[in-house]
Amino acid sequence: MRTCIDRLMAQPHVDGPRVKSESNYISNRLEVCRLNGDISNDAYLDAGAIHGALEMIANHIEMGVAQTEIHELLRQQITRANRLEEKHPGLDKAIEKGR
């Protein structure tokens, strides 16, 4: 999950479609990982918060929120993703395995 957010943060301009694409990727990968037993149901549920936050960020972009605020919102998700990785080791690797 951290890697997905890092990808977005690396962009000089974060656009709504790109954020939605990452959000959809996370959503799909979480489902596949849960069904395959790569992650626990708890990890799946906890990670859903980042998926929801990315959807909210995409909506903010479409409403014209400044890029500085978008980057701050993404930094908050990095913190959340780091906590999730501590709680559910291997979560990021499981998500990124689908690329």
C-alpha atoms as a PDB file:
ATOM      1  CA  MET A   1       0.000   0.000   0.000  1.00  0.00           C
ATOM      2  CA  ARG A   2       2.882   2.303   0.791  1.00  0.00           C
ATOM      3  CA  THR A   3       4.296   1.702  -2.683  1.00  0.00           C
ATOM      4  CA  CYS A   4       1.006   2.759  -4.301  1.00  0.00           C
ATOM      5  CA  ILE A   5       1.016   6.017  -2.384  1.00  0.00           C
ATOM      6  CA  ASP A   6       4.714   6.594  -3.089  1.00  0.00           C
ATOM      7  CA  ARG A   7       3.917   6.276  -6.798  1.00  0.00           C
ATOM      8  CA  LEU A   8       1.367   9.049  -6.490  1.00  0.00           C
ATOM      9  CA  MET A   9       3.647  11.257  -4.397  1.00  0.00           C
ATOM     10  CA  ALA A  10       6.386  10.972  -7.026  1.00  0.00           C
ATOM     11  CA  GLN A  11       4.188  12.762  -9.550  1.00  0.00           C
ATOM     12  CA  PRO A  12       4.715  16.522  -9.880  1.00  0.00           C
ATOM     13  CA  HIS A  13       0.975  16.878 -10.493  1.00  0.00           C
ATOM     14  CA  VAL A  14      -1.415  14.344  -9.002  1.00  0.00           C
ATOM     15  CA  ASP A  15      -4.560  13.975 -11.091  1.00  0.00           C
ATOM     16  CA  GLY A  16      -7.905  12.412 -10.226  1.00  0.00           C
ATOM     17  CA  PRO A  17      -7.833   9.570 -12.768  1.00  0.00           C
ATOM     18  CA  ARG A  18      -4.396   8.446 -11.576  1.00  0.00           C
ATOM     19  CA  VAL A  19      -5.538   8.393  -7.934  1.00  0.00           C
ATOM     20  CA  LYS A  20      -8.707   6.508  -8.887  1.00  0.00           C
ATOM     21  CA  SER A  21      -6.625   4.028 -10.849  1.00  0.00           C
ATOM     22  CA  GLU A  22      -4.434   3.327  -7.800  1.00  0.00           C
ATOM     23  CA  SER A  23      -7.523   3.106  -5.608  1.00  0.00           C
ATOM     24  CA  ASN A  24      -9.114   0.578  -7.954  1.00  0.00           C
ATOM     25  CA  TYR A  25      -5.866  -1.387  -8.115  1.00  0.00           C
ATOM     26  CA  ILE A  26      -5.707  -1.534  -4.310  1.00  0.00           C
ATOM     27  CA  SER A  27      -9.342  -2.576  -4.074  1.00  0.00           C
ATOM     28  CA  ASN A  28      -8.919  -5.367  -6.618  1.00  0.00           C
ATOM     29  CA  ARG A  29      -5.643  -6.597  -5.144  1.00  0.00           C
ATOM     30  CA  LEU A  30      -7.028  -6.624  -1.613  1.00  0.00           C
ATOM     31  CA  GLU A  31      -9.904  -8.803  -2.738  1.00  0.00           C
ATOM     32  CA  VAL A  32      -7.631 -11.207  -4.629  1.00  0.00           C
ATOM     33  CA  CYS A  33      -5.145 -11.378  -1.752  1.00  0.00           C
ATOM     34  CA  ARG A  34      -7.919 -12.069   0.755  1.00  0.00           C
ATOM     35  CA  LEU A  35      -9.463 -14.777  -1.389  1.00  0.00           C
ATOM     36  CA  ASN A  36      -6.056 -16.411  -1.988  1.00  0.00           C
ATOM     37  CA  GLY A  37      -5.222 -16.303   1.716  1.00  0.00           C
ATOM     38  CA  ASP A  38      -2.254 -13.984   1.162  1.00  0.00           C
ATOM     39  CA  ILE A  39      -3.655 -11.542   3.714  1.00  0.00           C
ATOM     40  CA  SER A  40      -5.978 -11.956   6.651  1.00  0.00           C
ATOM     41  CA  ASN A  41      -9.530 -10.706   6.774  1.00  0.00           C
ATOM     42  CA  ASP A  42      -8.376  -8.172   9.390  1.00  0.00           C
ATOM     43  CA  ALA A  43      -5.680  -6.847   7.022  1.00  0.00           C
ATOM     44  CA  TYR A  44      -8.282  -6.624   4.264  1.00  0.00           C
ATOM     45  CA  LEU A  45     -10.644  -4.616   6.443  1.00  0.00           C
ATOM     46  CA  ASP A  46      -7.914  -2.361   7.854  1.00  0.00           C
ATOM     47  CA  ALA A  47      -6.497  -1.626   4.391  1.00  0.00           C
ATOM     48  CA  GLY A  48      -9.934  -0.606   3.171  1.00  0.00           C
ATOM     49  CA  ALA A  49      -9.391   2.689   4.991  1.00  0.00           C
ATOM     50  CA  ILE A  50      -6.621   3.635   2.574  1.00  0.00           C
ATOM     51  CA  HIS A  51      -8.756   2.658  -0.396  1.00  0.00           C
ATOM     52  CA  GLY A  52     -11.504   4.939   0.906  1.00  0.00           C
ATOM     53  CA  ALA A  53      -9.064   7.762   1.567  1.00  0.00           C
ATOM     54  CA  LEU A  54      -7.734   7.575  -1.993  1.00  0.00           C
ATOM     55  CA  GLU A  55     -11.287   7.795  -3.320  1.00  0.00           C
ATOM     56  CA  MET A  56     -11.818  10.883  -1.172  1.00  0.00           C
ATOM     57  CA  ILE A  57      -8.541  12.404  -2.410  1.00  0.00           C
ATOM     58  CA  ALA A  58      -9.586  11.794  -6.031  1.00  0.00           C
ATOM     59  CA  ASN A  59     -12.837  13.625  -5.324  1.00  0.00           C
ATOM     60  CA  HIS A  60     -10.913  16.518  -3.758  1.00  0.00           C
ATOM     61  CA  ILE A  61      -8.785  16.780  -6.895  1.00  0.00           C
ATOM     62  CA  GLU A  62     -11.888  16.896  -9.080  1.00  0.00           C
ATOM     63  CA  MET A  63     -13.253  19.704  -6.873  1.00  0.00           C
ATOM     64  CA  GLY A  64     -10.107  21.734  -7.533  1.00  0.00           C
ATOM     65  CA  VAL A  65      -8.336  21.382  -4.193  1.00  0.00           C
ATOM     66  CA  ALA A  66      -4.756  22.697  -4.355  1.00  0.00           C
ATOM     67  CA  GLN A  67      -1.936  20.244  -5.040  1.00  0.00           C
ATOM     68  CA  THR A  68      -0.242  21.220  -1.781  1.00  0.00           C
ATOM     69  CA  GLU A  69      -3.266  19.997   0.149  1.00  0.00           C
ATOM     70  CA  ILE A  70      -3.482  16.843  -1.999  1.00  0.00           C
ATOM     71  CA  HIS A  71       0.151  16.051  -1.215  1.00  0.00           C
ATOM     72  CA  GLU A  72      -0.525  16.582   2.494  1.00  0.00           C
ATOM     73  CA  LEU A  73      -3.470  14.182   2.345  1.00  0.00           C
ATOM     74  CA  LEU A  74      -1.253  11.632   0.607  1.00  0.00           C
ATOM     75  CA  ARG A  75       1.457  12.068   3.275  1.00  0.00           C
ATOM     76  CA  GLN A  76      -1.172  11.243   5.887  1.00  0.00           C
ATOM     77  CA  GLN A  77      -1.913   8.027   4.009  1.00  0.00           C
ATOM     78  CA  ILE A  78       1.793   7.150   4.009  1.00  0.00           C
ATOM     79  CA  THR A  79       1.695   7.308   7.794  1.00  0.00           C
ATOM     80  CA  ARG A  80      -1.403   5.111   7.802  1.00  0.00           C
ATOM     81  CA  ALA A  81       0.192   2.649   5.360  1.00  0.00           C
ATOM     82  CA  ASN A  82       3.292   2.402   7.549  1.00  0.00           C
ATOM     83  CA  ARG A  83       1.139   1.571  10.577  1.00  0.00           C
ATOM     84  CA  LEU A  84      -0.738  -1.031   8.556  1.00  0.00           C
ATOM     85  CA  GLU A  85       2.524  -2.641   7.450  1.00  0.00           C
ATOM     86  CA  GLU A  86       3.639  -2.822  11.096  1.00  0.00           C
ATOM     87  CA  LYS A  87       0.347  -4.404  12.100  1.00  0.00           C
ATOM     88  CA  HIS A  88       0.152  -6.701   9.033  1.00  0.00           C
ATOM     89  CA  PRO A  89       3.714  -7.420   7.849  1.00  0.00           C
ATOM     90  CA  GLY A  90       3.912  -8.235   4.147  1.00  0.00           C
ATOM     91  CA  LEU A  91       0.772  -6.331   3.196  1.00  0.00           C
ATOM     92  CA  ASP A  92       2.579  -3.988   0.798  1.00  0.00           C
ATOM     93  CA  LYS A  93       4.435  -6.868  -0.837  1.00  0.00           C
ATOM     94  CA  ALA A  94       1.191  -8.823  -1.303  1.00  0.00           C
ATOM     95  CA  ILE A  95      -0.493  -5.814  -2.907  1.00  0.00           C
ATOM     96  CA  GLU A  96       2.437  -5.056  -5.200  1.00  0.00           C
ATOM     97  CA  LYS A  97       2.801  -8.682  -6.302  1.00  0.00           C
ATOM     98  CA  GLY A  98      -0.025  -8.011  -8.777  1.00  0.00           C
ATOM     99  CA  ARG A  99       1.863  -5.447 -10.872  1.00  0.00           C
END
